[in-house]
Structures are given as C-alpha cells and as structure tokens.
Amino acid sequence: MIKDHPFSDGNKRIGTLLFLEYLRRNGLLYREDGVVRFADNAIVALALLIAESAPKQKELMVRLTLALMEGH
C-alpha cells in the first residue's frame, strides 16, 4: 500500500493504518501479555523506510517487516 501509492494523498498514513488494521484483525497487534507490538514511533519509522526504499528492495522490506513482527 505504501509503496504502490494507490491513494493520491496520504499514502503513508493510509498504508500504515491498513497495516495496523491487518495486524488487529489477525490478532497480531498485541503481544500475548497485552502490550502493543510496535510503538507509534516504530510504525512511523517503518512506514518511512518502506516509502523511501527502492522498488528493487521490496523483498528486503518484506523480510525486515516479518522479522520485526517475529521478534516482538
């Protein structure tokens, strides 16, 4: 969502919101102890990193995001 710019404005915000909604719907937004999995500033940093990455780095960004999710 962030990278492909499906929205004309606010794509990073909308993409981040949809990512958080995906995590919520799949029971991944919170850790087992009830603490949110990602701090707000971490989500912002991840969205900006993805947005600024080169298209050829897509697989790297996917692996990074999955690794961050697994580590939390």
C-alpha atoms as a PDB file:
ATOM      1  CA  MET A   1       0.000   0.000   0.000  1.00  0.00           C
ATOM      2  CA  ILE A   2       2.711   2.458   0.943  1.00  0.00           C
ATOM      3  CA  LYS A   3       4.963   1.714  -1.994  1.00  0.00           C
ATOM      4  CA  ASP A   4       2.418   1.456  -4.800  1.00  0.00           C
ATOM      5  CA  HIS A   5       0.730   4.782  -3.993  1.00  0.00           C
ATOM      6  CA  PRO A   6      -2.873   3.632  -4.510  1.00  0.00           C
ATOM      7  CA  PHE A   7      -4.115   6.843  -2.916  1.00  0.00           C
ATOM      8  CA  SER A   8      -3.366  10.273  -4.331  1.00  0.00           C
ATOM      9  CA  ASP A   9      -2.502  11.794  -0.957  1.00  0.00           C
ATOM     10  CA  GLY A  10      -1.559  10.484   2.462  1.00  0.00           C
ATOM     11  CA  ASN A  11      -0.455   7.101   1.184  1.00  0.00           C
ATOM     12  CA  LYS A  12       1.978   6.519   4.051  1.00  0.00           C
ATOM     13  CA  ARG A  13      -0.665   7.295   6.666  1.00  0.00           C
ATOM     14  CA  ILE A  14      -3.374   5.244   4.981  1.00  0.00           C
ATOM     15  CA  GLY A  15      -0.986   2.358   4.315  1.00  0.00           C
ATOM     16  CA  THR A  16       0.140   2.382   7.949  1.00  0.00           C
ATOM     17  CA  LEU A  17      -3.443   2.468   9.183  1.00  0.00           C
ATOM     18  CA  LEU A  18      -4.326  -0.507   6.979  1.00  0.00           C
ATOM     19  CA  PHE A  19      -1.234  -2.383   8.206  1.00  0.00           C
ATOM     20  CA  LEU A  20      -2.318  -1.793  11.807  1.00  0.00           C
ATOM     21  CA  GLU A  21      -5.850  -2.932  10.933  1.00  0.00           C
ATOM     22  CA  TYR A  22      -4.417  -6.065   9.317  1.00  0.00           C
ATOM     23  CA  LEU A  23      -2.447  -6.778  12.490  1.00  0.00           C
ATOM     24  CA  ARG A  24      -5.556  -6.185  14.632  1.00  0.00           C
ATOM     25  CA  ARG A  25      -7.801  -8.438  12.540  1.00  0.00           C
ATOM     26  CA  ASN A  26      -5.239 -11.214  12.634  1.00  0.00           C
ATOM     27  CA  GLY A  27      -4.550 -10.992  16.357  1.00  0.00           C
ATOM     28  CA  LEU A  28      -1.050  -9.652  15.816  1.00  0.00           C
ATOM     29  CA  LEU A  29      -1.386  -6.070  17.034  1.00  0.00           C
ATOM     30  CA  TYR A  30      -0.800  -7.018  20.677  1.00  0.00           C
ATOM     31  CA  ARG A  31       1.679  -9.410  22.236  1.00  0.00           C
ATOM     32  CA  GLU A  32       0.481 -12.216  24.471  1.00  0.00           C
ATOM     33  CA  ASP A  33       0.971 -10.018  27.545  1.00  0.00           C
ATOM     34  CA  GLY A  34      -1.422  -7.397  26.104  1.00  0.00           C
ATOM     35  CA  VAL A  35       1.259  -4.843  25.232  1.00  0.00           C
ATOM     36  CA  VAL A  36       1.064  -3.299  21.770  1.00  0.00           C
ATOM     37  CA  ARG A  37       3.569  -4.998  19.449  1.00  0.00           C
ATOM     38  CA  PHE A  38       5.004  -1.790  17.917  1.00  0.00           C
ATOM     39  CA  ALA A  39       5.456   1.653  19.450  1.00  0.00           C
ATOM     40  CA  ASP A  40       3.980   4.518  17.443  1.00  0.00           C
ATOM     41  CA  ASN A  41       7.405   5.873  16.518  1.00  0.00           C
ATOM     42  CA  ALA A  42       8.492   2.425  15.307  1.00  0.00           C
ATOM     43  CA  ILE A  43       5.481   2.209  12.978  1.00  0.00           C
ATOM     44  CA  VAL A  44       6.244   5.683  11.608  1.00  0.00           C
ATOM     45  CA  ALA A  45       9.903   4.786  11.058  1.00  0.00           C
ATOM     46  CA  LEU A  46       8.980   1.536   9.296  1.00  0.00           C
ATOM     47  CA  ALA A  47       6.471   3.304   7.013  1.00  0.00           C
ATOM     48  CA  LEU A  48       9.049   5.950   6.073  1.00  0.00           C
ATOM     49  CA  LEU A  49      11.730   3.330   5.486  1.00  0.00           C
ATOM     50  CA  ILE A  50       9.438   1.399   3.149  1.00  0.00           C
ATOM     51  CA  ALA A  51       8.311   4.549   1.345  1.00  0.00           C
ATOM     52  CA  GLU A  52      11.883   5.703   0.725  1.00  0.00           C
ATOM     53  CA  SER A  53      13.248   2.296  -0.292  1.00  0.00           C
ATOM     54  CA  ALA A  54      13.996   1.453  -3.906  1.00  0.00           C
ATOM     55  CA  PRO A  55      11.406  -0.750  -5.638  1.00  0.00           C
ATOM     56  CA  LYS A  56      14.030  -3.465  -6.112  1.00  0.00           C
ATOM     57  CA  GLN A  57      14.330  -3.645  -2.297  1.00  0.00           C
ATOM     58  CA  LYS A  58      10.732  -4.847  -1.877  1.00  0.00           C
ATOM     59  CA  GLU A  59      11.674  -8.369  -0.789  1.00  0.00           C
ATOM     60  CA  LEU A  60      14.163  -6.971   1.705  1.00  0.00           C
ATOM     61  CA  MET A  61      11.466  -4.693   3.182  1.00  0.00           C
ATOM     62  CA  VAL A  62       9.037  -7.621   3.429  1.00  0.00           C
ATOM     63  CA  ARG A  63      11.660  -9.769   5.186  1.00  0.00           C
ATOM     64  CA  LEU A  64      12.552  -6.905   7.538  1.00  0.00           C
ATOM     65  CA  THR A  65       8.906  -6.315   8.458  1.00  0.00           C
ATOM     66  CA  LEU A  66       8.321 -10.028   9.091  1.00  0.00           C
ATOM     67  CA  ALA A  67      11.496 -10.260  11.180  1.00  0.00           C
ATOM     68  CA  LEU A  68      10.377  -7.315  13.284  1.00  0.00           C
ATOM     69  CA  MET A  69       6.990  -8.938  13.829  1.00  0.00           C
ATOM     70  CA  GLU A  70       8.539 -12.253  14.812  1.00  0.00           C
ATOM     71  CA  GLY A  71      10.974 -10.572  17.189  1.00  0.00           C
ATOM     72  CA  HIS A  72       8.204  -8.918  19.162  1.00  0.00           C
END
